[in-house]
Amino acid sequence: QEQLVESGGGLVQPGGSLRLSCVASGFAFSILTMRWYRQAPGKERDFVAYISSGTGSTTTYADSVKGRFTISRDNTKNTVYLQMNSLKHEDTAVYYCNVAGTEHWGQGTQVTVSS
């Protein structure tokens, strides 16, 4: 069964860091392009970051997170990561991983940035 499971969210102060993980099962993970999205309360789900298949040599980011967030992957662990640094209040959202171009989504992990 194909499944994505996110983890690593939590409560963090402004300026802090978190690393999110998304473990994929039931997929040929290394050939998948992966994306992170986020959804803040009352808002639509927005794109955050993208990583290409294989070695993940190509990454793209939303302007709002560029320079602060880093997407990476470990194909040996079927996992995609989102390292989030210099967190801001406006980064508060539920974060989801997605197999690019599909409707495969995880259940999401809550990130709350608050002092």
N, C-alpha and C. Protein backbone atom coordinates (compact mmCIF):
# COMPACT_ATOMS: atom_id res chain seq x y z
N GLN A 1 0.84 -1.17 0.00
CA GLN A 1 0.00 0.00 0.00
C GLN A 1 0.89 1.25 0.00
N GLU A 2 0.56 2.17 -0.87
CA GLU A 2 1.36 3.38 -0.97
C GLU A 2 0.98 4.34 0.15
N GLN A 3 1.99 4.85 0.85
CA GLN A 3 1.74 5.69 2.01
C GLN A 3 2.87 6.68 2.20
N LEU A 4 2.50 7.88 2.65
CA LEU A 4 3.45 8.92 3.03
C LEU A 4 3.16 9.30 4.48
N VAL A 5 4.19 9.34 5.31
CA VAL A 5 4.00 9.68 6.71
C VAL A 5 4.99 10.76 7.10
N GLU A 6 4.44 11.93 7.46
CA GLU A 6 5.28 13.05 7.89
C GLU A 6 5.48 13.02 9.41
N SER A 7 6.58 13.59 9.84
CA SER A 7 6.85 13.75 11.26
C SER A 7 7.84 14.89 11.44
N GLY A 8 8.03 15.27 12.71
CA GLY A 8 9.03 16.28 13.02
C GLY A 8 8.49 17.65 13.34
N GLY A 9 7.18 17.83 13.21
CA GLY A 9 6.60 19.12 13.55
C GLY A 9 6.60 19.36 15.05
N GLY A 10 6.22 20.57 15.43
CA GLY A 10 6.15 20.91 16.83
C GLY A 10 6.06 22.40 17.04
N LEU A 11 6.25 22.79 18.29
CA LEU A 11 6.23 24.19 18.69
C LEU A 11 7.66 24.69 18.79
N VAL A 12 7.94 25.81 18.14
CA VAL A 12 9.29 26.37 18.14
C VAL A 12 9.19 27.89 18.22
N GLN A 13 10.19 28.50 18.85
CA GLN A 13 10.21 29.96 18.95
C GLN A 13 10.67 30.58 17.64
N PRO A 14 10.28 31.81 17.39
CA PRO A 14 10.80 32.51 16.20
C PRO A 14 12.32 32.49 16.19
N GLY A 15 12.86 32.24 15.01
CA GLY A 15 14.30 32.11 14.86
C GLY A 15 14.81 30.70 15.04
N GLY A 16 13.97 29.82 15.49
CA GLY A 16 14.37 28.44 15.73
C GLY A 16 14.36 27.59 14.47
N SER A 17 14.64 26.30 14.66
CA SER A 17 14.75 25.36 13.55
C SER A 17 13.97 24.09 13.84
N LEU A 18 13.53 23.47 12.78
CA LEU A 18 12.92 22.15 12.83
C LEU A 18 13.32 21.39 11.57
N ARG A 19 13.35 20.07 11.68
CA ARG A 19 13.53 19.24 10.49
C ARG A 19 12.35 18.30 10.36
N LEU A 20 11.65 18.42 9.27
CA LEU A 20 10.53 17.54 8.97
C LEU A 20 11.02 16.36 8.15
N SER A 21 10.38 15.22 8.36
CA SER A 21 10.67 14.01 7.60
C SER A 21 9.39 13.49 6.97
N CYS A 22 9.52 12.88 5.83
CA CYS A 22 8.40 12.22 5.17
C CYS A 22 8.91 10.87 4.66
N VAL A 23 8.38 9.81 5.26
CA VAL A 23 8.77 8.46 4.88
C VAL A 23 7.75 7.91 3.91
N ALA A 24 8.23 7.43 2.77
CA ALA A 24 7.36 6.85 1.74
C ALA A 24 7.46 5.33 1.78
N SER A 25 6.33 4.67 1.69
CA SER A 25 6.32 3.21 1.62
C SER A 25 5.40 2.79 0.47
N GLY A 26 5.75 1.66 -0.13
CA GLY A 26 4.95 1.16 -1.24
C GLY A 26 5.25 1.83 -2.57
N PHE A 27 6.30 2.65 -2.58
CA PHE A 27 6.69 3.36 -3.80
C PHE A 27 8.09 2.94 -4.22
N ALA A 28 8.37 3.12 -5.49
CA ALA A 28 9.75 3.07 -5.96
C ALA A 28 10.31 4.47 -5.73
N PHE A 29 10.73 4.72 -4.50
CA PHE A 29 10.96 6.08 -4.03
C PHE A 29 11.98 6.85 -4.87
N SER A 30 13.04 6.21 -5.27
CA SER A 30 14.13 6.94 -5.91
C SER A 30 13.71 7.59 -7.22
N ILE A 31 12.64 7.09 -7.85
CA ILE A 31 12.24 7.66 -9.14
C ILE A 31 11.18 8.75 -8.99
N LEU A 32 10.81 9.03 -7.73
CA LEU A 32 9.76 10.01 -7.49
C LEU A 32 10.32 11.41 -7.32
N THR A 33 9.66 12.37 -7.91
CA THR A 33 9.92 13.76 -7.54
C THR A 33 8.98 14.10 -6.39
N MET A 34 9.47 14.83 -5.44
CA MET A 34 8.73 15.06 -4.20
C MET A 34 8.57 16.55 -3.94
N ARG A 35 7.49 16.88 -3.27
CA ARG A 35 7.22 18.27 -2.91
C ARG A 35 6.76 18.36 -1.47
N TRP A 36 7.04 19.49 -0.86
CA TRP A 36 6.45 19.87 0.42
C TRP A 36 5.48 21.03 0.16
N TYR A 37 4.35 20.95 0.83
CA TYR A 37 3.36 22.02 0.81
C TYR A 37 3.04 22.37 2.27
N ARG A 38 2.35 23.47 2.44
CA ARG A 38 1.86 23.83 3.77
C ARG A 38 0.51 24.53 3.66
N GLN A 39 -0.24 24.39 4.73
CA GLN A 39 -1.57 25.02 4.78
C GLN A 39 -1.76 25.67 6.14
N ALA A 40 -1.88 26.98 6.11
CA ALA A 40 -2.14 27.74 7.33
C ALA A 40 -3.65 27.79 7.56
N PRO A 41 -4.07 28.02 8.79
CA PRO A 41 -5.50 28.08 9.08
C PRO A 41 -6.23 29.09 8.20
N GLY A 42 -7.31 28.64 7.57
CA GLY A 42 -8.12 29.52 6.75
C GLY A 42 -7.53 29.86 5.39
N LYS A 43 -6.43 29.21 5.05
CA LYS A 43 -5.78 29.52 3.77
C LYS A 43 -5.68 28.26 2.92
N GLU A 44 -5.35 28.47 1.65
CA GLU A 44 -5.17 27.34 0.75
C GLU A 44 -3.81 26.68 0.97
N ARG A 45 -3.69 25.47 0.48
CA ARG A 45 -2.44 24.75 0.57
C ARG A 45 -1.46 25.35 -0.44
N ASP A 46 -0.26 25.71 0.03
CA ASP A 46 0.72 26.39 -0.81
C ASP A 46 1.98 25.54 -0.98
N PHE A 47 2.56 25.67 -2.13
CA PHE A 47 3.82 25.01 -2.43
C PHE A 47 4.94 25.58 -1.56
N VAL A 48 5.82 24.71 -1.09
CA VAL A 48 6.97 25.13 -0.30
C VAL A 48 8.29 24.79 -0.99
N ALA A 49 8.43 23.52 -1.39
CA ALA A 49 9.72 23.09 -1.95
C ALA A 49 9.54 21.86 -2.81
N TYR A 50 10.47 21.67 -3.71
CA TYR A 50 10.47 20.56 -4.68
C TYR A 50 11.87 19.98 -4.76
N ILE A 51 11.93 18.66 -4.96
CA ILE A 51 13.21 18.01 -5.19
C ILE A 51 13.04 16.99 -6.29
N SER A 52 13.98 16.93 -7.19
CA SER A 52 13.91 16.01 -8.32
C SER A 52 14.20 14.58 -7.86
N SER A 53 13.92 13.65 -8.75
CA SER A 53 14.14 12.24 -8.47
C SER A 53 15.63 11.92 -8.47
N GLY A 54 15.93 10.67 -8.15
CA GLY A 54 17.32 10.23 -8.14
C GLY A 54 18.15 10.93 -7.08
N THR A 55 19.18 11.59 -7.50
CA THR A 55 20.07 12.25 -6.55
C THR A 55 19.51 13.52 -5.97
N GLY A 56 18.39 13.98 -6.49
CA GLY A 56 17.80 15.21 -5.99
C GLY A 56 18.63 16.43 -6.35
N SER A 57 19.21 16.42 -7.51
CA SER A 57 20.12 17.49 -7.89
C SER A 57 19.43 18.81 -8.17
N THR A 58 18.12 18.74 -8.41
CA THR A 58 17.36 19.96 -8.68
C THR A 58 16.37 20.21 -7.56
N THR A 59 16.44 21.41 -7.01
CA THR A 59 15.49 21.82 -5.96
C THR A 59 14.95 23.20 -6.31
N THR A 60 13.73 23.43 -5.92
CA THR A 60 13.14 24.76 -6.05
C THR A 60 12.38 25.09 -4.78
N TYR A 61 12.21 26.37 -4.53
CA TYR A 61 11.58 26.83 -3.29
C TYR A 61 10.63 27.97 -3.56
N ALA A 62 9.61 28.06 -2.72
CA ALA A 62 8.78 29.25 -2.71
C ALA A 62 9.63 30.44 -2.27
N ASP A 63 9.32 31.59 -2.79
CA ASP A 63 10.09 32.79 -2.44
C ASP A 63 10.09 33.05 -0.94
N SER A 64 8.99 32.70 -0.30
CA SER A 64 8.84 32.99 1.12
C SER A 64 9.76 32.18 2.01
N VAL A 65 10.32 31.09 1.49
CA VAL A 65 11.19 30.24 2.31
C VAL A 65 12.60 30.14 1.77
N LYS A 66 12.83 30.73 0.62
CA LYS A 66 14.14 30.63 -0.03
C LYS A 66 15.22 31.18 0.89
N GLY A 67 16.30 30.41 1.04
CA GLY A 67 17.39 30.82 1.90
C GLY A 67 17.24 30.39 3.34
N ARG A 68 16.05 29.93 3.71
CA ARG A 68 15.81 29.49 5.09
C ARG A 68 15.51 27.99 5.16
N PHE A 69 14.86 27.45 4.15
CA PHE A 69 14.47 26.05 4.13
C PHE A 69 15.34 25.29 3.13
N THR A 70 15.59 24.02 3.43
CA THR A 70 16.34 23.15 2.53
C THR A 70 15.64 21.81 2.42
N ILE A 71 15.35 21.41 1.19
CA ILE A 71 14.76 20.09 0.94
C ILE A 71 15.87 19.13 0.54
N SER A 72 15.79 17.91 1.02
CA SER A 72 16.78 16.89 0.68
C SER A 72 16.11 15.54 0.70
N ARG A 73 16.82 14.52 0.25
CA ARG A 73 16.26 13.17 0.23
C ARG A 73 17.33 12.16 0.53
N ASP A 74 16.90 11.04 1.09
CA ASP A 74 17.76 9.88 1.33
C ASP A 74 17.03 8.68 0.76
N ASN A 75 17.44 8.25 -0.41
CA ASN A 75 16.75 7.15 -1.08
C ASN A 75 16.94 5.81 -0.36
N THR A 76 17.99 5.70 0.42
CA THR A 76 18.20 4.46 1.18
C THR A 76 17.18 4.33 2.31
N LYS A 77 16.61 5.45 2.71
CA LYS A 77 15.61 5.46 3.78
C LYS A 77 14.21 5.81 3.27
N ASN A 78 14.07 5.95 1.96
CA ASN A 78 12.78 6.32 1.37
C ASN A 78 12.20 7.56 2.04
N THR A 79 13.06 8.54 2.29
CA THR A 79 12.67 9.69 3.07
C THR A 79 13.06 10.99 2.38
N VAL A 80 12.14 11.96 2.45
CA VAL A 80 12.44 13.32 2.03
C VAL A 80 12.37 14.20 3.27
N TYR A 81 13.27 15.16 3.35
CA TYR A 81 13.38 16.03 4.52
C TYR A 81 13.11 17.48 4.14
N LEU A 82 12.71 18.24 5.15
CA LEU A 82 12.63 19.68 5.01
C LEU A 82 13.27 20.30 6.24
N GLN A 83 14.47 20.83 6.06
CA GLN A 83 15.16 21.53 7.13
C GLN A 83 14.69 22.97 7.12
N MET A 84 14.15 23.42 8.24
CA MET A 84 13.59 24.76 8.34
C MET A 84 14.36 25.55 9.38
N ASN A 85 15.01 26.61 8.95
CA ASN A 85 15.77 27.47 9.84
C ASN A 85 15.17 28.87 9.86
N SER A 86 15.58 29.65 10.84
CA SER A 86 15.11 31.04 10.96
C SER A 86 13.60 31.12 10.84
N LEU A 87 12.92 30.28 11.58
CA LEU A 87 11.46 30.20 11.46
C LEU A 87 10.79 31.48 11.92
N LYS A 88 9.69 31.79 11.24
CA LYS A 88 8.91 33.00 11.50
C LYS A 88 7.48 32.60 11.88
N HIS A 89 6.78 33.55 12.50
CA HIS A 89 5.39 33.29 12.85
C HIS A 89 4.60 32.82 11.64
N GLU A 90 4.86 33.43 10.50
CA GLU A 90 4.09 33.12 9.30
C GLU A 90 4.39 31.76 8.70
N ASP A 91 5.35 31.05 9.26
CA ASP A 91 5.61 29.68 8.83
C ASP A 91 4.68 28.68 9.53
N THR A 92 3.90 29.15 10.47
CA THR A 92 2.95 28.29 11.17
C THR A 92 1.94 27.70 10.19
N ALA A 93 1.86 26.39 10.16
CA ALA A 93 0.98 25.70 9.20
C ALA A 93 1.08 24.20 9.44
N VAL A 94 0.19 23.48 8.77
CA VAL A 94 0.36 22.03 8.65
C VAL A 94 1.16 21.77 7.39
N TYR A 95 2.22 21.00 7.52
CA TYR A 95 3.12 20.71 6.40
C TYR A 95 2.84 19.31 5.87
N TYR A 96 2.76 19.23 4.55
CA TYR A 96 2.43 17.98 3.88
C TYR A 96 3.51 17.64 2.84
N CYS A 97 3.81 16.37 2.71
CA CYS A 97 4.63 15.96 1.58
C CYS A 97 3.71 15.35 0.52
N ASN A 98 4.21 15.38 -0.69
CA ASN A 98 3.41 14.99 -1.86
C ASN A 98 4.30 14.38 -2.92
N VAL A 99 3.82 13.34 -3.55
CA VAL A 99 4.49 12.82 -4.73
C VAL A 99 4.07 13.72 -5.88
N ALA A 100 5.04 14.41 -6.47
CA ALA A 100 4.74 15.42 -7.47
C ALA A 100 3.88 14.85 -8.60
N GLY A 101 2.85 15.59 -8.94
CA GLY A 101 1.99 15.20 -10.05
C GLY A 101 0.95 14.14 -9.71
N THR A 102 0.81 13.83 -8.44
CA THR A 102 -0.17 12.83 -8.02
C THR A 102 -1.00 13.37 -6.86
N GLU A 103 -1.97 12.59 -6.46
CA GLU A 103 -2.79 12.92 -5.30
C GLU A 103 -2.37 12.13 -4.07
N HIS A 104 -1.12 11.67 -4.07
CA HIS A 104 -0.58 11.00 -2.90
C HIS A 104 -0.06 12.05 -1.93
N TRP A 105 -0.72 12.13 -0.76
CA TRP A 105 -0.37 13.08 0.27
C TRP A 105 -0.22 12.35 1.60
N GLY A 106 0.61 12.90 2.45
CA GLY A 106 0.66 12.42 3.82
C GLY A 106 -0.44 13.05 4.64
N GLN A 107 -0.45 12.71 5.93
CA GLN A 107 -1.49 13.22 6.82
C GLN A 107 -1.17 14.61 7.35
N GLY A 108 0.08 15.02 7.18
CA GLY A 108 0.50 16.35 7.61
C GLY A 108 1.12 16.34 9.00
N THR A 109 1.96 17.34 9.24
CA THR A 109 2.54 17.53 10.56
C THR A 109 2.47 19.02 10.90
N GLN A 110 2.03 19.32 12.12
CA GLN A 110 1.80 20.70 12.52
C GLN A 110 3.10 21.38 12.94
N VAL A 111 3.33 22.55 12.39
CA VAL A 111 4.45 23.40 12.80
C VAL A 111 3.86 24.70 13.34
N THR A 112 4.20 25.01 14.58
CA THR A 112 3.73 26.24 15.21
C THR A 112 4.93 27.06 15.65
N VAL A 113 5.00 28.28 15.14
CA VAL A 113 6.09 29.18 15.50
C VAL A 113 5.51 30.27 16.39
N SER A 114 5.91 30.25 17.64
CA SER A 114 5.33 31.16 18.60
C SER A 114 6.27 31.38 19.78
N SER A 115 6.26 32.59 20.31
CA SER A 115 7.06 32.88 21.49
C SER A 115 6.20 32.73 22.75
